[in-house]
Amino acid sequence: MPVELIPLCTLEVTLADPMIVGDGPAGLRVIFEVEEATVEGERIKGKMKGHATADWLLVHGTVGTLDVRATFETHDGALVFAQYNGRTDTSAGPGGAPIYVTPRFETGDERYSWLNAIQAVGKGTLDGNRLSYEWYELR
């Protein structure tokens, strides 16, 4: 049975300057705080809530591994927690390769409870401090 990709949303992110923790036992640790983010789709629309959103990037060799957590407030007042992990090839430098991610969601708002049950995938591009993703629901 083939996998279906159902459009979920576009995510537009503005990143702060990176904090380079440096080379540790697991690789080069870089933290990107998020200054702002918006989600736009037919089934979900909103923007980042609060300031506790960041990407804890780990680079080992030419592989960048993302660990991102964010809270969004929908246009109609629901809070949605999103967490995604992903990978990118860092050999060409920042923005040199697509970023592939697997978002998951949590919410207690009944209007968006369908998000709790889905697995999403996404592909993103980095251009300077602007990050753009297209996210899809897997079915």
Protein backbone atom coordinates (compact mmCIF):
# COMPACT_ATOMS: atom_id res chain seq x y z
CA MET A 1 0.00 0.00 0.00
CA PRO A 2 1.53 3.36 -1.01
CA VAL A 3 2.10 6.22 1.40
CA GLU A 4 -0.01 9.33 0.83
CA LEU A 5 1.29 12.83 1.53
CA ILE A 6 -1.55 15.16 2.52
CA PRO A 7 -0.53 18.85 2.62
CA LEU A 8 -0.56 20.07 6.22
CA CYS A 9 1.09 23.49 6.35
CA THR A 10 3.93 25.78 5.48
CA LEU A 11 6.18 26.80 8.35
CA GLU A 12 8.15 30.05 8.05
CA VAL A 13 10.84 30.62 10.69
CA THR A 14 13.20 33.47 11.51
CA LEU A 15 16.28 32.26 13.40
CA ALA A 16 18.46 34.25 15.78
CA ASP A 17 22.22 34.16 15.35
CA PRO A 18 23.57 30.74 16.30
CA MET A 19 25.13 29.99 19.66
CA ILE A 20 28.07 27.71 18.93
CA VAL A 21 28.67 25.53 21.98
CA GLY A 22 31.53 23.79 20.20
CA ASP A 23 32.84 20.30 19.66
CA GLY A 24 31.84 17.93 22.42
CA PRO A 25 31.76 14.17 22.72
CA ALA A 26 28.76 13.86 20.37
CA GLY A 27 29.89 16.41 17.79
CA LEU A 28 29.57 20.13 17.16
CA ARG A 29 26.63 21.57 19.11
CA VAL A 30 24.92 24.67 17.71
CA ILE A 31 21.76 26.22 19.18
CA PHE A 32 19.44 28.35 17.06
CA GLU A 33 16.79 30.21 19.03
CA VAL A 34 13.68 31.05 17.02
CA GLU A 35 12.72 34.72 16.88
CA GLU A 36 9.38 34.15 15.15
CA ALA A 37 7.50 31.41 13.34
CA THR A 38 4.20 31.14 11.50
CA VAL A 39 2.20 28.11 10.43
CA GLU A 40 -0.14 28.44 7.46
CA GLY A 41 -2.34 25.68 6.07
CA GLU A 42 -5.96 24.87 5.28
CA ARG A 43 -6.42 22.94 8.54
CA ILE A 44 -4.07 24.82 10.87
CA LYS A 45 -2.94 28.45 11.07
CA GLY A 46 -1.03 30.15 13.84
CA LYS A 47 2.17 31.61 15.16
CA MET A 48 4.84 30.82 17.70
CA LYS A 49 3.79 31.34 21.33
CA GLY A 50 6.34 32.49 23.89
CA HIS A 51 10.11 32.33 23.56
CA ALA A 52 10.91 28.69 24.35
CA THR A 53 11.41 27.59 20.75
CA ALA A 54 14.82 26.52 19.49
CA ASP A 55 16.74 24.07 17.36
CA TRP A 56 19.44 22.13 19.15
CA LEU A 57 21.56 21.12 16.15
CA LEU A 58 24.29 18.52 16.42
CA VAL A 59 26.80 18.19 13.57
CA HIS A 60 28.87 15.02 13.32
CA GLY A 61 31.04 14.81 10.22
CA THR A 62 28.81 16.01 7.39
CA VAL A 63 25.50 15.10 9.03
CA GLY A 64 23.43 17.67 10.90
CA THR A 65 20.82 16.24 13.29
CA LEU A 66 18.02 18.57 14.36
CA ASP A 67 16.08 18.51 17.64
CA VAL A 68 13.38 21.20 17.62
CA ARG A 69 10.58 22.00 20.07
CA ALA A 70 8.00 24.73 19.63
CA THR A 71 4.64 25.91 20.91
CA PHE A 72 2.16 27.47 18.51
CA GLU A 73 -1.05 29.35 19.15
CA THR A 74 -3.62 28.81 16.41
CA HIS A 75 -5.59 31.66 14.91
CA ASP A 76 -8.53 30.64 17.12
CA GLY A 77 -6.64 30.34 20.40
CA ALA A 78 -5.59 26.67 20.71
CA LEU A 79 -2.12 25.82 21.98
CA VAL A 80 -0.22 23.14 20.04
CA PHE A 81 3.16 21.71 21.00
CA ALA A 82 5.29 20.54 18.08
CA GLN A 83 8.48 18.53 18.25
CA TYR A 84 10.53 17.40 15.31
CA ASN A 85 13.78 15.71 14.60
CA GLY A 86 15.52 15.65 11.27
CA ARG A 87 18.65 15.43 9.22
CA THR A 88 20.56 17.49 6.70
CA ASP A 89 23.81 17.16 4.79
CA THR A 90 26.13 19.91 6.04
CA SER A 91 28.99 19.28 3.58
CA ALA A 92 27.97 22.26 1.37
CA GLY A 93 27.59 24.64 4.34
CA PRO A 94 24.47 26.31 5.77
CA GLY A 95 21.60 26.18 3.31
CA GLY A 96 23.47 23.93 0.92
CA ALA A 97 21.10 20.97 1.23
CA PRO A 98 17.45 20.33 2.08
CA ILE A 99 16.43 19.64 5.68
CA TYR A 100 14.20 16.60 6.23
CA VAL A 101 12.07 16.45 9.41
CA THR A 102 9.41 14.34 11.14
CA PRO A 103 7.04 16.58 13.16
CA ARG A 104 4.75 15.26 15.92
CA PHE A 105 2.12 17.26 17.75
CA GLU A 106 0.40 17.43 21.15
CA THR A 107 -2.67 19.43 22.13
CA GLY A 108 -5.51 19.18 24.61
CA ASP A 109 -7.81 21.31 22.45
CA GLU A 110 -10.59 19.15 21.00
CA ARG A 111 -10.70 21.19 17.77
CA TYR A 112 -7.17 20.05 16.97
CA SER A 113 -7.13 16.62 18.62
CA TRP A 114 -6.64 15.07 15.17
CA LEU A 115 -3.06 16.38 15.34
CA ASN A 116 -2.31 14.05 18.28
CA ALA A 117 -2.78 11.01 16.04
CA ILE A 118 -0.81 11.97 12.94
CA GLN A 119 2.80 11.64 11.87
CA ALA A 120 4.04 14.38 9.61
CA VAL A 121 7.08 14.73 7.37
CA GLY A 122 8.62 17.83 5.96
CA LYS A 123 11.26 19.29 3.75
CA GLY A 124 12.88 22.63 4.43
CA THR A 125 15.34 25.13 3.05
CA LEU A 126 17.57 27.57 4.86
CA ASP A 127 18.36 30.99 3.37
CA GLY A 128 20.38 33.15 5.75
CA ASN A 129 18.33 33.31 8.94
CA ARG A 130 15.07 32.33 7.17
CA LEU A 131 13.91 28.73 7.29
CA SER A 132 10.96 27.54 5.18
CA TYR A 133 9.29 24.14 5.47
CA GLU A 134 6.52 22.31 3.67
CA TRP A 135 4.92 19.78 6.04
CA TYR A 136 2.71 16.85 5.06
CA GLU A 137 0.56 14.41 6.97
CA LEU A 138 1.46 10.79 6.27
CA ARG A 139 -1.45 8.48 5.47
